[in-house]
Amino acid sequence: MDNILIQNIDRVHTTDMGVERIRRNLGFGEIDVVTWCKEEILKTNADIERNGKNWYVHIDGCVITINASSYTIITCHKE
């Protein structure tokens, strides 16, 4: 699926607080959460939808929420 989010995957990023929030929500240790999120977004079975100001990526039992204008990962949590 080729869409605007995938076309701009290099712009996807998060804040320091976002890193900690994602690690806490998913029980991750010291991994690069931005790289992990990008890999998940690019999977062929990722369900990507835009609703209002955010992108929602449903993949492997998780939802990644990304701001559609800044490409900032807001959060990621288990479904």
PDB file of N, CA and C in Angstrom:
ATOM      1  N   MET A   1       0.861  -1.180   0.000  1.00  0.00           N
ATOM      2  CA  MET A   1       0.000   0.000   0.000  1.00  0.00           C
ATOM      3  C   MET A   1       0.904   1.238   0.000  1.00  0.00           C
ATOM      4  N   ASP A   2       0.768   2.054  -0.984  1.00  0.00           N
ATOM      5  CA  ASP A   2       1.582   3.260  -1.077  1.00  0.00           C
ATOM      6  C   ASP A   2       0.688   4.458  -0.768  1.00  0.00           C
ATOM      7  N   ASN A   3       0.954   5.123   0.337  1.00  0.00           N
ATOM      8  CA  ASN A   3       0.155   6.292   0.702  1.00  0.00           C
ATOM      9  C   ASN A   3       1.080   7.411   1.184  1.00  0.00           C
ATOM     10  N   ILE A   4       0.493   8.496   1.593  1.00  0.00           N
ATOM     11  CA  ILE A   4       1.271   9.674   1.990  1.00  0.00           C
ATOM     12  C   ILE A   4       2.176   9.372   3.182  1.00  0.00           C
ATOM     13  N   LEU A   5       1.691   8.595   4.149  1.00  0.00           N
ATOM     14  CA  LEU A   5       2.520   8.268   5.313  1.00  0.00           C
ATOM     15  C   LEU A   5       3.755   7.484   4.880  1.00  0.00           C
ATOM     16  N   ILE A   6       3.570   6.489   4.047  1.00  0.00           N
ATOM     17  CA  ILE A   6       4.706   5.687   3.586  1.00  0.00           C
ATOM     18  C   ILE A   6       5.647   6.526   2.732  1.00  0.00           C
ATOM     19  N   GLN A   7       5.105   7.387   1.912  1.00  0.00           N
ATOM     20  CA  GLN A   7       5.948   8.257   1.079  1.00  0.00           C
ATOM     21  C   GLN A   7       6.810   9.179   1.930  1.00  0.00           C
ATOM     22  N   ASN A   8       6.365   9.482   3.145  1.00  0.00           N
ATOM     23  CA  ASN A   8       7.089  10.387   4.044  1.00  0.00           C
ATOM     24  C   ASN A   8       7.669   9.665   5.260  1.00  0.00           C
ATOM     25  N   ILE A   9       7.949   8.384   5.122  1.00  0.00           N
ATOM     26  CA  ILE A   9       8.437   7.593   6.255  1.00  0.00           C
ATOM     27  C   ILE A   9       9.721   8.171   6.845  1.00  0.00           C
ATOM     28  N   ASP A  10      10.534   8.816   6.027  1.00  0.00           N
ATOM     29  CA  ASP A  10      11.780   9.404   6.531  1.00  0.00           C
ATOM     30  C   ASP A  10      11.533  10.592   7.460  1.00  0.00           C
ATOM     31  N   ARG A  11      10.333  11.155   7.444  1.00  0.00           N
ATOM     32  CA  ARG A  11       9.991  12.291   8.305  1.00  0.00           C
ATOM     33  C   ARG A  11       9.427  11.855   9.653  1.00  0.00           C
ATOM     34  N   VAL A  12       9.114  10.572   9.801  1.00  0.00           N
ATOM     35  CA  VAL A  12       8.522  10.072  11.040  1.00  0.00           C
ATOM     36  C   VAL A  12       9.558  10.153  12.160  1.00  0.00           C
ATOM     37  N   HIS A  13       9.141  10.721  13.280  1.00  0.00           N
ATOM     38  CA  HIS A  13      10.015  10.920  14.441  1.00  0.00           C
ATOM     39  C   HIS A  13       9.155  10.998  15.693  1.00  0.00           C
ATOM     40  N   THR A  14       9.786  11.139  16.836  1.00  0.00           N
ATOM     41  CA  THR A  14       9.045  11.367  18.070  1.00  0.00           C
ATOM     42  C   THR A  14       9.893  12.208  19.019  1.00  0.00           C
ATOM     43  N   THR A  15       9.311  12.572  20.132  1.00  0.00           N
ATOM     44  CA  THR A  15       9.996  13.363  21.152  1.00  0.00           C
ATOM     45  C   THR A  15      10.604  12.430  22.195  1.00  0.00           C
ATOM     46  N   ASP A  16      11.412  12.973  23.081  1.00  0.00           N
ATOM     47  CA  ASP A  16      11.964  12.175  24.178  1.00  0.00           C
ATOM     48  C   ASP A  16      10.843  11.604  25.043  1.00  0.00           C
ATOM     49  N   MET A  17       9.826  12.416  25.297  1.00  0.00           N
ATOM     50  CA  MET A  17       8.682  11.937  26.073  1.00  0.00           C
ATOM     51  C   MET A  17       7.939  10.832  25.322  1.00  0.00           C
ATOM     52  N   GLY A  18       7.859  10.967  23.999  1.00  0.00           N
ATOM     53  CA  GLY A  18       7.219   9.947  23.181  1.00  0.00           C
ATOM     54  C   GLY A  18       7.951   8.619  23.254  1.00  0.00           C
ATOM     55  N   VAL A  19       9.279   8.674  23.240  1.00  0.00           N
ATOM     56  CA  VAL A  19      10.089   7.458  23.351  1.00  0.00           C
ATOM     57  C   VAL A  19       9.759   6.737  24.650  1.00  0.00           C
ATOM     58  N   GLU A  20       9.764   7.469  25.748  1.00  0.00           N
ATOM     59  CA  GLU A  20       9.480   6.870  27.055  1.00  0.00           C
ATOM     60  C   GLU A  20       8.057   6.323  27.120  1.00  0.00           C
ATOM     61  N   ARG A  21       7.093   7.050  26.565  1.00  0.00           N
ATOM     62  CA  ARG A  21       5.693   6.619  26.571  1.00  0.00           C
ATOM     63  C   ARG A  21       5.530   5.313  25.795  1.00  0.00           C
ATOM     64  N   ILE A  22       6.150   5.230  24.620  1.00  0.00           N
ATOM     65  CA  ILE A  22       6.043   4.020  23.793  1.00  0.00           C
ATOM     66  C   ILE A  22       6.709   2.843  24.497  1.00  0.00           C
ATOM     67  N   ARG A  23       7.899   3.057  25.054  1.00  0.00           N
ATOM     68  CA  ARG A  23       8.584   1.985  25.780  1.00  0.00           C
ATOM     69  C   ARG A  23       7.745   1.478  26.944  1.00  0.00           C
ATOM     70  N   ARG A  24       7.137   2.390  27.673  1.00  0.00           N
ATOM     71  CA  ARG A  24       6.297   2.019  28.818  1.00  0.00           C
ATOM     72  C   ARG A  24       5.046   1.271  28.357  1.00  0.00           C
ATOM     73  N   ASN A  25       4.383   1.782  27.318  1.00  0.00           N
ATOM     74  CA  ASN A  25       3.142   1.165  26.844  1.00  0.00           C
ATOM     75  C   ASN A  25       3.350  -0.240  26.293  1.00  0.00           C
ATOM     76  N   LEU A  26       4.494  -0.468  25.645  1.00  0.00           N
ATOM     77  CA  LEU A  26       4.733  -1.760  25.000  1.00  0.00           C
ATOM     78  C   LEU A  26       5.696  -2.652  25.780  1.00  0.00           C
ATOM     79  N   GLY A  27       6.224  -2.150  26.890  1.00  0.00           N
ATOM     80  CA  GLY A  27       7.131  -2.945  27.700  1.00  0.00           C
ATOM     81  C   GLY A  27       8.490  -3.146  27.058  1.00  0.00           C
ATOM     82  N   PHE A  28       8.922  -2.185  26.252  1.00  0.00           N
ATOM     83  CA  PHE A  28      10.221  -2.257  25.583  1.00  0.00           C
ATOM     84  C   PHE A  28      11.324  -1.791  26.508  1.00  0.00           C
ATOM     85  N   GLY A  29      12.503  -2.326  26.284  1.00  0.00           N
ATOM     86  CA  GLY A  29      13.697  -1.844  26.971  1.00  0.00           C
ATOM     87  C   GLY A  29      14.312  -0.728  26.151  1.00  0.00           C
ATOM     88  N   GLU A  30      15.599  -0.753  26.072  1.00  0.00           N
ATOM     89  CA  GLU A  30      16.364   0.297  25.389  1.00  0.00           C
ATOM     90  C   GLU A  30      16.464   0.031  23.884  1.00  0.00           C
ATOM     91  N   ILE A  31      15.343   0.018  23.183  1.00  0.00           N
ATOM     92  CA  ILE A  31      15.381  -0.137  21.727  1.00  0.00           C
ATOM     93  C   ILE A  31      15.096   1.210  21.076  1.00  0.00           C
ATOM     94  N   ASP A  32      15.447   1.317  19.816  1.00  0.00           N
ATOM     95  CA  ASP A  32      15.145   2.527  19.050  1.00  0.00           C
ATOM     96  C   ASP A  32      13.688   2.429  18.608  1.00  0.00           C
ATOM     97  N   VAL A  33      12.794   3.105  19.336  1.00  0.00           N
ATOM     98  CA  VAL A  33      11.363   2.972  19.061  1.00  0.00           C
ATOM     99  C   VAL A  33      10.971   3.580  17.724  1.00  0.00           C
ATOM    100  N   VAL A  34      11.672   4.600  17.274  1.00  0.00           N
ATOM    101  CA  VAL A  34      11.344   5.204  15.969  1.00  0.00           C
ATOM    102  C   VAL A  34      11.623   4.201  14.854  1.00  0.00           C
ATOM    103  N   THR A  35      12.766   3.550  14.915  1.00  0.00           N
ATOM    104  CA  THR A  35      13.086   2.535  13.916  1.00  0.00           C
ATOM    105  C   THR A  35      12.075   1.401  13.978  1.00  0.00           C
ATOM    106  N   TRP A  36      11.716   0.959  15.176  1.00  0.00           N
ATOM    107  CA  TRP A  36      10.730  -0.105  15.332  1.00  0.00           C
ATOM    108  C   TRP A  36       9.396   0.305  14.711  1.00  0.00           C
ATOM    109  N   CYS A  37       8.941   1.513  15.000  1.00  0.00           N
ATOM    110  CA  CYS A  37       7.669   1.991  14.450  1.00  0.00           C
ATOM    111  C   CYS A  37       7.726   2.060  12.923  1.00  0.00           C
ATOM    112  N   LYS A  38       8.809   2.580  12.381  1.00  0.00           N
ATOM    113  CA  LYS A  38       8.940   2.671  10.925  1.00  0.00           C
ATOM    114  C   LYS A  38       8.884   1.286  10.289  1.00  0.00           C
ATOM    115  N   GLU A  39       9.569   0.317  10.889  1.00  0.00           N
ATOM    116  CA  GLU A  39       9.537  -1.048  10.360  1.00  0.00           C
ATOM    117  C   GLU A  39       8.126  -1.616  10.399  1.00  0.00           C
ATOM    118  N   GLU A  40       7.398  -1.349  11.469  1.00  0.00           N
ATOM    119  CA  GLU A  40       6.018  -1.825  11.585  1.00  0.00           C
ATOM    120  C   GLU A  40       5.128  -1.174  10.535  1.00  0.00           C
ATOM    121  N   ILE A  41       5.289   0.127  10.332  1.00  0.00           N
ATOM    122  CA  ILE A  41       4.483   0.865   9.350  1.00  0.00           C
ATOM    123  C   ILE A  41       4.701   0.313   7.948  1.00  0.00           C
ATOM    124  N   LEU A  42       5.923  -0.076   7.640  1.00  0.00           N
ATOM    125  CA  LEU A  42       6.267  -0.547   6.298  1.00  0.00           C
ATOM    126  C   LEU A  42       5.897  -2.006   6.031  1.00  0.00           C
ATOM    127  N   LYS A  43       5.464  -2.726   7.047  1.00  0.00           N
ATOM    128  CA  LYS A  43       5.047  -4.114   6.832  1.00  0.00           C
ATOM    129  C   LYS A  43       3.844  -4.155   5.899  1.00  0.00           C
ATOM    130  N   THR A  44       3.819  -5.156   5.049  1.00  0.00           N
ATOM    131  CA  THR A  44       2.744  -5.245   4.048  1.00  0.00           C
ATOM    132  C   THR A  44       1.380  -5.491   4.671  1.00  0.00           C
ATOM    133  N   ASN A  45       1.330  -6.059   5.869  1.00  0.00           N
ATOM    134  CA  ASN A  45       0.031  -6.317   6.503  1.00  0.00           C
ATOM    135  C   ASN A  45      -0.415  -5.195   7.443  1.00  0.00           C
ATOM    136  N   ALA A  46       0.297  -4.063   7.440  1.00  0.00           N
ATOM    137  CA  ALA A  46      -0.101  -2.918   8.270  1.00  0.00           C
ATOM    138  C   ALA A  46      -1.375  -2.294   7.700  1.00  0.00           C
ATOM    139  N   ASP A  47      -2.329  -2.047   8.573  1.00  0.00           N
ATOM    140  CA  ASP A  47      -3.579  -1.379   8.198  1.00  0.00           C
ATOM    141  C   ASP A  47      -3.426   0.097   8.554  1.00  0.00           C
ATOM    142  N   ILE A  48      -3.276   0.940   7.539  1.00  0.00           N
ATOM    143  CA  ILE A  48      -3.010   2.366   7.745  1.00  0.00           C
ATOM    144  C   ILE A  48      -4.248   3.160   7.371  1.00  0.00           C
ATOM    145  N   GLU A  49      -4.691   4.009   8.303  1.00  0.00           N
ATOM    146  CA  GLU A  49      -5.843   4.860   8.021  1.00  0.00           C
ATOM    147  C   GLU A  49      -5.597   6.248   8.593  1.00  0.00           C
ATOM    148  N   ARG A  50      -6.158   7.224   7.927  1.00  0.00           N
ATOM    149  CA  ARG A  50      -6.097   8.580   8.452  1.00  0.00           C
ATOM    150  C   ARG A  50      -7.485   8.947   8.952  1.00  0.00           C
ATOM    151  N   ASN A  51      -7.523   9.476  10.157  1.00  0.00           N
ATOM    152  CA  ASN A  51      -8.780   9.921  10.750  1.00  0.00           C
ATOM    153  C   ASN A  51      -8.504  11.284  11.365  1.00  0.00           C
ATOM    154  N   GLY A  52      -9.019  12.332  10.728  1.00  0.00           N
ATOM    155  CA  GLY A  52      -8.780  13.685  11.216  1.00  0.00           C
ATOM    156  C   GLY A  52      -7.328  14.074  11.100  1.00  0.00           C
ATOM    157  N   LYS A  53      -6.741  14.507  12.204  1.00  0.00           N
ATOM    158  CA  LYS A  53      -5.373  15.018  12.182  1.00  0.00           C
ATOM    159  C   LYS A  53      -4.317  13.946  12.401  1.00  0.00           C
ATOM    160  N   ASN A  54      -4.729  12.688  12.548  1.00  0.00           N
ATOM    161  CA  ASN A  54      -3.777  11.623  12.850  1.00  0.00           C
ATOM    162  C   ASN A  54      -3.849  10.454  11.875  1.00  0.00           C
ATOM    163  N   TRP A  55      -2.702   9.785  11.735  1.00  0.00           N
ATOM    164  CA  TRP A  55      -2.622   8.487  11.079  1.00  0.00           C
ATOM    165  C   TRP A  55      -2.702   7.439  12.174  1.00  0.00           C
ATOM    166  N   TYR A  56      -3.385   6.332  11.895  1.00  0.00           N
ATOM    167  CA  TYR A  56      -3.448   5.194  12.810  1.00  0.00           C
ATOM    168  C   TYR A  56      -2.967   3.971  12.050  1.00  0.00           C
ATOM    169  N   VAL A  57      -1.967   3.317  12.592  1.00  0.00           N
ATOM    170  CA  VAL A  57      -1.411   2.123  11.966  1.00  0.00           C
ATOM    171  C   VAL A  57      -1.690   0.946  12.895  1.00  0.00           C
ATOM    172  N   HIS A  58      -2.505   0.003  12.422  1.00  0.00           N
ATOM    173  CA  HIS A  58      -2.836  -1.202  13.171  1.00  0.00           C
ATOM    174  C   HIS A  58      -1.952  -2.325  12.638  1.00  0.00           C
ATOM    175  N   ILE A  59      -1.122  -2.885  13.521  1.00  0.00           N
ATOM    176  CA  ILE A  59      -0.193  -3.921  13.090  1.00  0.00           C
ATOM    177  C   ILE A  59       0.189  -4.799  14.284  1.00  0.00           C
ATOM    178  N   ASP A  60       0.101  -6.097  14.090  1.00  0.00           N
ATOM    179  CA  ASP A  60       0.562  -7.079  15.083  1.00  0.00           C
ATOM    180  C   ASP A  60       0.036  -6.793  16.489  1.00  0.00           C
ATOM    181  N   GLY A  61      -1.239  -6.431  16.610  1.00  0.00           N
ATOM    182  CA  GLY A  61      -1.847  -6.201  17.912  1.00  0.00           C
ATOM    183  C   GLY A  61      -1.524  -4.864  18.541  1.00  0.00           C
ATOM    184  N   CYS A  62      -0.933  -3.953  17.762  1.00  0.00           N
ATOM    185  CA  CYS A  62      -0.594  -2.618  18.262  1.00  0.00           C
ATOM    186  C   CYS A  62      -1.230  -1.546  17.383  1.00  0.00           C
ATOM    187  N   VAL A  63      -1.400  -0.373  17.968  1.00  0.00           N
ATOM    188  CA  VAL A  63      -1.839   0.801  17.216  1.00  0.00           C
ATOM    189  C   VAL A  63      -0.790   1.884  17.404  1.00  0.00           C
ATOM    190  N   ILE A  64      -0.255   2.370  16.285  1.00  0.00           N
ATOM    191  CA  ILE A  64       0.709   3.472  16.299  1.00  0.00           C
ATOM    192  C   ILE A  64      -0.048   4.715  15.855  1.00  0.00           C
ATOM    193  N   THR A  65      -0.009   5.774  16.649  1.00  0.00           N
ATOM    194  CA  THR A  65      -0.697   7.021  16.330  1.00  0.00           C
ATOM    195  C   THR A  65       0.338   8.066  15.942  1.00  0.00           C
ATOM    196  N   ILE A  66       0.162   8.654  14.749  1.00  0.00           N
ATOM    197  CA  ILE A  66       1.132   9.607  14.201  1.00  0.00           C
ATOM    198  C   ILE A  66       0.399  10.862  13.756  1.00  0.00           C
ATOM    199  N   ASN A  67       0.900  12.025  14.151  1.00  0.00           N
ATOM    200  CA  ASN A  67       0.320  13.284  13.706  1.00  0.00           C
ATOM    201  C   ASN A  67       0.510  13.411  12.194  1.00  0.00           C
ATOM    202  N   ALA A  68      -0.561  13.726  11.473  1.00  0.00           N
ATOM    203  CA  ALA A  68      -0.530  13.733  10.009  1.00  0.00           C
ATOM    204  C   ALA A  68       0.218  14.924   9.418  1.00  0.00           C
ATOM    205  N   SER A  69       0.347  16.010  10.149  1.00  0.00           N
ATOM    206  CA  SER A  69       1.042  17.161   9.575  1.00  0.00           C
ATOM    207  C   SER A  69       2.516  17.210   9.951  1.00  0.00           C
ATOM    208  N   SER A  70       2.865  16.777  11.165  1.00  0.00           N
ATOM    209  CA  SER A  70       4.262  16.850  11.606  1.00  0.00           C
ATOM    210  C   SER A  70       4.981  15.507  11.520  1.00  0.00           C
ATOM    211  N   TYR A  71       4.242  14.427  11.331  1.00  0.00           N
ATOM    212  CA  TYR A  71       4.786  13.061  11.294  1.00  0.00           C
ATOM    213  C   TYR A  71       5.438  12.664  12.615  1.00  0.00           C
ATOM    214  N   THR A  72       4.939  13.249  13.710  1.00  0.00           N
ATOM    215  CA  THR A  72       5.414  12.900  15.040  1.00  0.00           C
ATOM    216  C   THR A  72       4.628  11.714  15.566  1.00  0.00           C
ATOM    217  N   ILE A  73       5.343  10.677  16.014  1.00  0.00           N
ATOM    218  CA  ILE A  73       4.675   9.538  16.647  1.00  0.00           C
ATOM    219  C   ILE A  73       4.184  10.028  17.999  1.00  0.00           C
ATOM    220  N   ILE A  74       2.878  10.002  18.194  1.00  0.00           N
ATOM    221  CA  ILE A  74       2.286  10.479  19.429  1.00  0.00           C
ATOM    222  C   ILE A  74       2.336   9.381  20.490  1.00  0.00           C
ATOM    223  N   THR A  75       1.898   8.192  20.103  1.00  0.00           N
ATOM    224  CA  THR A  75       1.899   7.066  21.018  1.00  0.00           C
ATOM    225  C   THR A  75       1.803   5.770  20.249  1.00  0.00           C
ATOM    226  N   CYS A  76       2.010   4.703  20.970  1.00  0.00           N
ATOM    227  CA  CYS A  76       1.834   3.359  20.432  1.00  0.00           C
ATOM    228  C   CYS A  76       1.375   2.520  21.611  1.00  0.00           C
ATOM    229  N   HIS A  77       0.341   1.752  21.399  1.00  0.00           N
ATOM    230  CA  HIS A  77      -0.170   0.913  22.489  1.00  0.00           C
ATOM    231  C   HIS A  77      -0.734  -0.391  21.938  1.00  0.00           C
ATOM    232  N   LYS A  78      -0.901  -1.349  22.817  1.00  0.00           N
ATOM    233  CA  LYS A  78      -1.484  -2.632  22.436  1.00  0.00           C
ATOM    234  C   LYS A  78      -2.982  -2.461  22.262  1.00  0.00           C
ATOM    235  N   GLU A  79      -3.524  -3.189  21.285  1.00  0.00           N
ATOM    236  CA  GLU A  79      -4.988  -3.136  21.065  1.00  0.00           C
ATOM    237  C   GLU A  79      -5.693  -3.986  22.080  1.00  0.00           C
TER     238      GLU A  79
END
